[in-house]
Protein backbone atom coordinates (compact mmCIF):
# COMPACT_ATOMS: atom_id res chain seq x y z
CA MET A 1 -28.76 -14.71 -9.43
CA LEU A 2 -25.99 -15.15 -11.95
CA SER A 3 -23.51 -17.94 -11.54
CA ALA A 4 -19.89 -16.91 -11.13
CA VAL A 5 -18.35 -19.14 -13.77
CA GLY A 6 -19.14 -21.12 -16.90
CA ARG A 7 -17.36 -24.14 -18.26
CA GLY A 8 -14.04 -22.32 -18.39
CA ALA A 9 -11.92 -24.79 -20.36
CA ALA A 10 -8.72 -23.24 -21.67
CA VAL A 11 -7.80 -23.06 -25.34
CA SER A 12 -4.64 -25.07 -25.86
CA GLU A 13 -1.88 -24.18 -28.27
CA GLY A 14 -2.64 -27.33 -30.22
CA SER A 15 -6.10 -26.02 -31.06
CA ALA A 16 -4.52 -23.27 -33.12
CA GLY A 17 -4.12 -25.68 -36.01
CA ALA A 18 -0.32 -25.52 -36.28
CA ALA A 19 0.72 -28.77 -34.64
CA ALA A 20 2.33 -30.12 -37.80
CA SER A 21 4.87 -27.28 -38.06
CA PRO A 22 8.40 -27.76 -36.68
CA VAL A 23 8.99 -26.14 -33.31
CA VAL A 24 11.80 -23.72 -32.52
CA SER A 25 12.56 -23.71 -28.79
CA PRO A 26 12.69 -20.40 -26.91
CA PRO A 27 16.09 -19.02 -25.90
CA ALA A 28 17.74 -20.42 -22.80
CA GLY A 29 16.83 -18.46 -19.71
CA SER A 30 13.42 -17.38 -21.03
CA ARG A 31 10.91 -16.34 -18.40
CA SER A 32 9.30 -19.28 -16.68
CA ARG A 33 6.26 -17.09 -16.02
CA SER A 34 5.50 -16.82 -19.73
CA SER A 35 2.56 -18.78 -21.08
CA VAL A 36 0.47 -19.27 -24.18
CA PRO A 37 -2.68 -17.10 -24.16
CA SER A 38 -5.66 -19.26 -23.25
CA SER A 39 -8.53 -16.82 -22.81
CA LEU A 40 -9.68 -13.32 -23.61
CA SER A 41 -10.87 -10.50 -21.35
CA PRO A 42 -12.13 -7.05 -22.36
CA SER A 43 -8.89 -5.40 -21.24
CA ARG A 44 -6.63 -7.78 -23.12
CA ALA A 45 -8.82 -7.62 -26.23
CA SER A 46 -8.53 -3.84 -26.12
CA ASP A 47 -4.76 -4.14 -25.66
CA PHE A 48 -4.40 -6.19 -28.85
CA MET A 49 -6.61 -3.84 -30.83
CA GLN A 50 -4.60 -0.88 -29.56
CA CYS A 51 -1.17 -2.46 -30.09
CA PRO A 52 -0.32 -6.16 -30.62
CA LEU A 53 3.14 -5.64 -29.11
CA LEU A 54 1.58 -4.20 -25.95
CA TYR A 55 -0.56 -7.33 -25.71
CA ARG A 56 2.57 -9.46 -25.96
CA PHE A 57 4.38 -7.48 -23.27
CA ARG A 58 1.45 -7.83 -20.87
CA VAL A 59 0.17 -11.33 -21.58
CA ILE A 60 3.16 -13.34 -22.78
CA ASP A 61 6.23 -11.54 -21.41
CA ARG A 62 4.32 -10.28 -18.37
CA LEU A 63 6.60 -7.29 -18.06
CA PRO A 64 6.12 -5.35 -14.83
CA GLU A 65 4.30 -2.03 -14.95
CA LYS A 66 4.42 0.77 -12.44
CA PRO A 67 1.15 1.61 -10.68
CA SER A 68 -0.37 4.93 -11.70
CA GLU A 69 -2.28 7.37 -9.54
CA ALA A 70 -5.28 7.34 -11.90
CA ALA A 71 -5.60 3.55 -12.12
CA THR A 72 -5.03 3.09 -8.40
CA ARG A 73 -7.64 5.75 -7.61
CA GLY A 74 -10.06 3.85 -9.84
CA THR A 75 -9.40 0.63 -7.94
CA LEU A 76 -9.93 2.44 -4.64
CA VAL A 77 -13.23 4.02 -5.71
CA HIS A 78 -14.50 0.69 -7.05
CA SER A 79 -13.77 -1.00 -3.74
CA VAL A 80 -15.60 1.75 -1.81
CA LEU A 81 -18.70 1.48 -3.98
CA GLU A 82 -18.66 -2.30 -3.65
CA ARG A 83 -18.36 -2.21 0.14
CA LEU A 84 -21.04 0.47 0.57
CA PHE A 85 -23.70 -2.10 -0.34
CA ASP A 86 -22.73 -4.13 2.73
CA ALA A 87 -24.64 -1.53 4.75
CA PRO A 88 -28.45 -1.50 5.05
CA ALA A 89 -30.13 0.64 2.39
CA GLY A 90 -30.93 3.51 4.75
CA GLU A 91 -27.29 3.80 5.82
CA ARG A 92 -25.84 4.17 2.34
CA THR A 93 -25.07 7.84 2.67
CA VAL A 94 -22.41 10.19 1.36
CA PRO A 95 -20.65 10.51 4.75
CA ARG A 96 -20.55 6.74 5.17
CA ALA A 97 -19.21 6.22 1.65
CA LYS A 98 -16.49 8.86 2.05
CA GLY A 99 -15.65 7.38 5.43
CA LEU A 100 -14.82 4.08 3.73
CA VAL A 101 -12.03 5.64 1.67
CA PRO A 102 -9.20 5.59 4.27
CA GLY A 103 -9.88 2.00 5.30
CA GLN A 104 -10.12 0.74 1.73
CA TRP A 105 -6.86 2.55 0.92
CA GLU A 106 -5.16 0.69 3.77
CA ARG A 107 -6.56 -2.61 2.51
CA LEU A 108 -5.32 -1.83 -0.98
CA ARG A 109 -1.83 -1.07 0.35
CA GLU A 110 -1.81 -4.38 2.22
CA SER A 111 -2.90 -6.42 -0.79
CA ARG A 112 -0.73 -4.50 -3.28
CA PRO A 113 2.29 -3.03 -1.46
CA GLU A 114 3.65 -1.59 -4.71
CA VAL A 115 0.99 1.16 -4.73
CA ALA A 116 2.69 2.75 -1.74
CA GLU A 117 5.48 3.73 -4.15
CA LEU A 118 3.13 6.32 -5.64
CA PHE A 119 3.65 8.55 -2.62
CA ALA A 120 7.18 7.58 -1.61
CA ASP A 121 8.35 11.15 -2.34
CA ASP A 122 5.55 12.68 -0.26
CA PRO A 123 6.88 12.55 3.32
CA GLU A 124 4.46 15.17 4.62
CA GLY A 125 1.49 13.41 3.05
CA ALA A 126 0.12 16.49 1.28
CA ARG A 127 -0.08 14.86 -2.14
CA LEU A 128 -1.62 11.70 -0.69
CA ALA A 129 -4.24 13.80 1.11
CA ARG A 130 -5.18 15.56 -2.14
CA TRP A 131 -5.35 12.22 -3.94
CA LEU A 132 -7.62 10.72 -1.29
CA GLY A 133 -9.76 13.86 -1.47
CA GLU A 134 -10.14 13.36 -5.20
CA ALA A 135 -11.29 9.79 -4.56
CA GLU A 136 -13.83 11.05 -2.05
CA GLY A 137 -15.07 13.57 -4.61
CA LEU A 138 -15.66 10.82 -7.17
CA VAL A 139 -17.53 8.74 -4.59
CA GLU A 140 -19.69 11.73 -3.68
CA ARG A 141 -20.49 12.45 -7.32
CA TRP A 142 -21.83 8.92 -7.71
CA PHE A 143 -24.71 9.83 -5.40
CA THR A 144 -25.85 12.43 -7.94
CA LEU A 145 -26.05 9.73 -10.63
CA GLU A 146 -27.55 6.77 -8.75
CA ASP A 147 -29.43 6.34 -5.49
CA PRO A 148 -27.89 3.41 -3.58
CA THR A 149 -30.76 3.38 -1.09
CA ARG A 150 -32.99 2.14 -3.92
CA LEU A 151 -30.57 -0.46 -5.28
CA GLU A 152 -30.04 -4.04 -4.15
CA PRO A 153 -27.40 -5.50 -6.49
CA ALA A 154 -27.70 -9.17 -7.31
CA GLU A 155 -23.92 -9.33 -7.70
CA ARG A 156 -20.91 -7.11 -7.10
CA GLU A 157 -17.45 -7.59 -8.61
CA LEU A 158 -18.75 -10.73 -10.29
CA PHE A 159 -16.22 -12.94 -12.06
CA VAL A 160 -17.79 -14.49 -15.14
CA GLU A 161 -16.36 -17.02 -17.55
CA ALA A 162 -17.87 -18.80 -20.52
CA GLU A 163 -16.58 -20.99 -23.31
CA LEU A 164 -17.88 -20.27 -26.80
CA ASP A 165 -18.74 -23.04 -29.23
CA SER A 166 -15.43 -22.28 -30.98
CA GLY A 167 -13.53 -23.20 -27.82
CA LEU A 168 -12.52 -19.64 -27.00
CA THR A 169 -12.90 -18.80 -23.32
CA LEU A 170 -14.09 -15.32 -22.40
CA ARG A 171 -13.77 -13.99 -18.88
CA GLY A 172 -14.02 -10.78 -16.95
CA ILE A 173 -15.20 -9.05 -13.78
CA ILE A 174 -18.49 -7.12 -13.82
CA ASP A 175 -18.73 -4.23 -11.36
CA ARG A 176 -22.41 -4.67 -10.59
CA VAL A 177 -25.35 -6.76 -11.76
CA ASP A 178 -28.90 -5.60 -11.03
CA VAL A 179 -31.86 -7.93 -11.53
CA ALA A 180 -35.37 -6.48 -11.63
CA PRO A 181 -38.30 -8.29 -9.96
CA THR A 182 -39.46 -9.19 -13.46
CA GLY A 183 -36.11 -10.80 -14.24
CA GLU A 184 -34.49 -8.20 -16.51
CA VAL A 185 -30.73 -7.94 -16.03
CA ARG A 186 -28.76 -4.69 -15.98
CA ILE A 187 -24.95 -4.68 -16.13
CA VAL A 188 -23.33 -1.63 -14.57
CA ASP A 189 -19.72 -0.49 -14.84
CA TYR A 190 -18.14 2.43 -12.95
CA LYS A 191 -15.60 4.62 -14.74
CA THR A 192 -13.60 7.18 -12.78
CA GLY A 193 -12.69 9.11 -15.93
CA LYS A 194 -14.79 11.32 -18.16
CA ALA A 195 -17.36 10.15 -20.69
CA PRO A 196 -16.05 9.89 -24.26
CA ARG A 197 -17.27 12.09 -27.05
CA PRO A 198 -20.22 10.60 -28.98
CA GLU A 199 -18.03 9.47 -31.86
CA TYR A 200 -16.03 7.30 -29.44
CA ALA A 201 -19.01 5.85 -27.59
CA GLU A 202 -18.89 2.56 -29.52
CA GLY A 203 -15.40 1.88 -28.26
CA ALA A 204 -16.50 2.57 -24.72
CA LEU A 205 -19.38 0.11 -25.06
CA PHE A 206 -17.15 -2.71 -26.32
CA GLN A 207 -16.37 -3.86 -22.79
CA MET A 208 -20.04 -3.87 -21.84
CA LYS A 209 -21.07 -5.80 -24.93
CA PHE A 210 -18.32 -8.28 -24.14
CA TYR A 211 -19.84 -8.84 -20.69
CA ALA A 212 -23.33 -9.09 -22.17
CA LEU A 213 -22.12 -11.77 -24.57
CA VAL A 214 -20.61 -13.78 -21.71
CA VAL A 215 -23.84 -13.54 -19.69
CA TRP A 216 -25.88 -14.53 -22.76
CA ARG A 217 -23.74 -17.60 -23.47
CA LEU A 218 -23.60 -18.48 -19.78
CA LYS A 219 -27.23 -17.95 -18.79
CA LYS A 220 -29.08 -17.78 -22.13
CA VAL A 221 -30.31 -14.34 -21.08
CA ILE A 222 -29.51 -11.11 -22.90
CA PRO A 223 -29.07 -8.26 -20.42
CA ARG A 224 -31.83 -5.71 -20.81
CA ARG A 225 -29.50 -2.75 -20.30
CA LEU A 226 -25.80 -1.92 -20.24
CA GLN A 227 -24.91 1.11 -18.13
CA LEU A 228 -21.63 3.02 -17.89
CA VAL A 229 -21.42 5.45 -14.97
CA TYR A 230 -18.73 8.10 -15.55
CA LEU A 231 -17.80 9.59 -12.20
CA GLY A 232 -15.21 11.92 -13.70
CA SER A 233 -17.76 13.90 -15.70
CA GLY A 234 -21.04 12.94 -14.06
CA ASP A 235 -22.49 11.21 -17.14
CA VAL A 236 -24.38 7.95 -17.52
CA LEU A 237 -24.22 6.11 -20.84
CA THR A 238 -26.78 3.36 -21.45
CA TYR A 239 -27.33 0.87 -24.23
CA ASP A 240 -29.87 -1.89 -24.76
CA PRO A 241 -28.22 -4.77 -26.65
CA THR A 242 -29.89 -7.05 -29.17
CA PRO A 243 -28.98 -10.58 -30.29
CA ALA A 244 -27.59 -9.18 -33.53
CA ASP A 245 -25.33 -6.81 -31.56
CA LEU A 246 -23.87 -9.60 -29.49
CA GLU A 247 -23.45 -11.92 -32.48
CA ARG A 248 -21.38 -9.20 -34.15
CA VAL A 249 -19.27 -8.88 -31.01
CA GLU A 250 -18.74 -12.64 -30.98
CA ARG A 251 -17.58 -12.63 -34.60
CA LYS A 252 -15.22 -9.76 -33.84
CA LEU A 253 -13.75 -11.59 -30.86
CA LEU A 254 -13.26 -14.78 -32.86
CA ALA A 255 -11.40 -12.85 -35.57
CA LEU A 256 -9.34 -11.15 -32.89
CA TRP A 257 -8.49 -14.48 -31.32
CA GLU A 258 -7.40 -15.87 -34.68
CA ALA A 259 -5.00 -12.93 -35.03
CA ILE A 260 -3.68 -13.46 -31.49
CA THR A 261 -3.21 -17.17 -32.16
CA GLU A 262 -1.29 -16.47 -35.36
CA ALA A 263 0.94 -13.91 -33.64
CA THR A 264 1.59 -16.38 -30.82
CA ARG A 265 2.50 -19.06 -33.35
CA THR A 266 4.88 -16.89 -35.39
CA GLY A 267 6.16 -14.47 -32.75
CA ASP A 268 5.20 -11.59 -35.03
CA TRP A 269 3.88 -8.91 -32.66
CA ARG A 270 3.98 -5.56 -34.37
CA PRO A 271 3.79 -2.21 -32.58
CA ARG A 272 0.99 0.14 -33.55
CA PRO A 273 2.02 3.70 -32.70
CA THR A 274 -0.72 6.01 -31.38
CA LYS A 275 -0.99 8.98 -29.06
CA LEU A 276 -1.36 6.48 -26.22
CA CYS A 277 2.30 5.46 -26.61
CA GLY A 278 3.26 8.35 -24.37
CA TRP A 279 1.59 6.56 -21.45
CA CYS A 280 3.21 3.16 -22.10
CA ASP A 281 5.61 1.70 -19.53
CA HIS A 282 7.40 -0.39 -22.15
CA GLN A 283 9.04 2.20 -24.40
CA SER A 284 12.49 0.83 -23.53
CA HIS A 285 11.45 -2.48 -25.12
CA CYS A 286 9.59 -1.01 -28.10
CA PRO A 287 11.24 -0.66 -31.55
CA GLU A 288 9.24 2.52 -32.15
CA PHE A 289 11.31 4.15 -29.39
CA GLY A 290 14.62 2.52 -30.25
CA GLY A 291 14.12 -0.36 -27.84
CA THR A 292 14.44 -4.10 -28.31
CA PRO A 293 11.78 -6.57 -27.16
CA PRO A 294 13.01 -9.31 -24.83
CA PRO A 295 13.75 -12.71 -26.43
CA TYR A 296 10.50 -14.38 -27.38
CA PRO A 297 9.84 -16.89 -24.59
CA LEU A 298 7.49 -19.26 -26.44
CA PRO A 299 8.19 -21.95 -29.04
CA LEU A 300 7.91 -20.68 -32.60
CA ARG A 301 6.33 -22.53 -35.49
CA GLU A 302 8.45 -22.22 -38.59
CA PRO A 303 6.52 -21.78 -41.87
CA GLN A 304 5.98 -24.95 -43.87
CA PRO A 305 8.03 -25.18 -47.10
CA GLN A 306 6.04 -24.85 -50.29
CA GLN A 307 5.18 -28.17 -51.89
């Protein structure tokens, strides 16, 4: 079985190599919740690649974001598929899985009360009923892609963390880890959306390769297979990583971390406009939409004068 965590030491600001530069204090009244980035997850790495300013808003400013129906449905479906494996193999049926949906929705509302706002304007409950039905449909489709009666996951919702030789800490949560009797490891991730077109498959696999790298550095074992299960379209995407693959991912992450460290040091977080901007909660703070970012809450390192 895989261990839950690795060494997990955080990367301090001092390790960025800028300790000799003079420090400019953040404005008075800056958010006490703000902090220097100390680790990297697949989601936050993707944020920075998509838009450095979005990364800043989420990681440093920690601006609030409204829950969305799609993301919340994904969380609900994940919790149902995780809990289904609590039952004996012969009882992992479609009716049982769909029957878990209402209870897991109540648990989600208790742990994250803000999701109830999604249906605040639905007094009769019709929209909520349709939404729960869509979640049940995704759960049911999973049975056409995998047979849970023949699976005994080694881990579910596994938190993993490993520190690279560079000092960078990588962490994330793996949906499911399967281990064959012969020892081969398979990492499985559920997606409630549709599978990407072939030309975008590499981007979709980035998260899985990230997890594979963490497992490799943590356990000295390269997962035999990476598997993405797309419940929205009924597709399964698989990939068998090699050491060269994961070494390339590691180099990419190190370069990405250097860019994040430099942006943290200078406060230079530039927006990168794309079609995804239409879905962003932070347009009121984004210069691309006429907004102004909040005062930078971290100390800035002024550039050294030329000698």
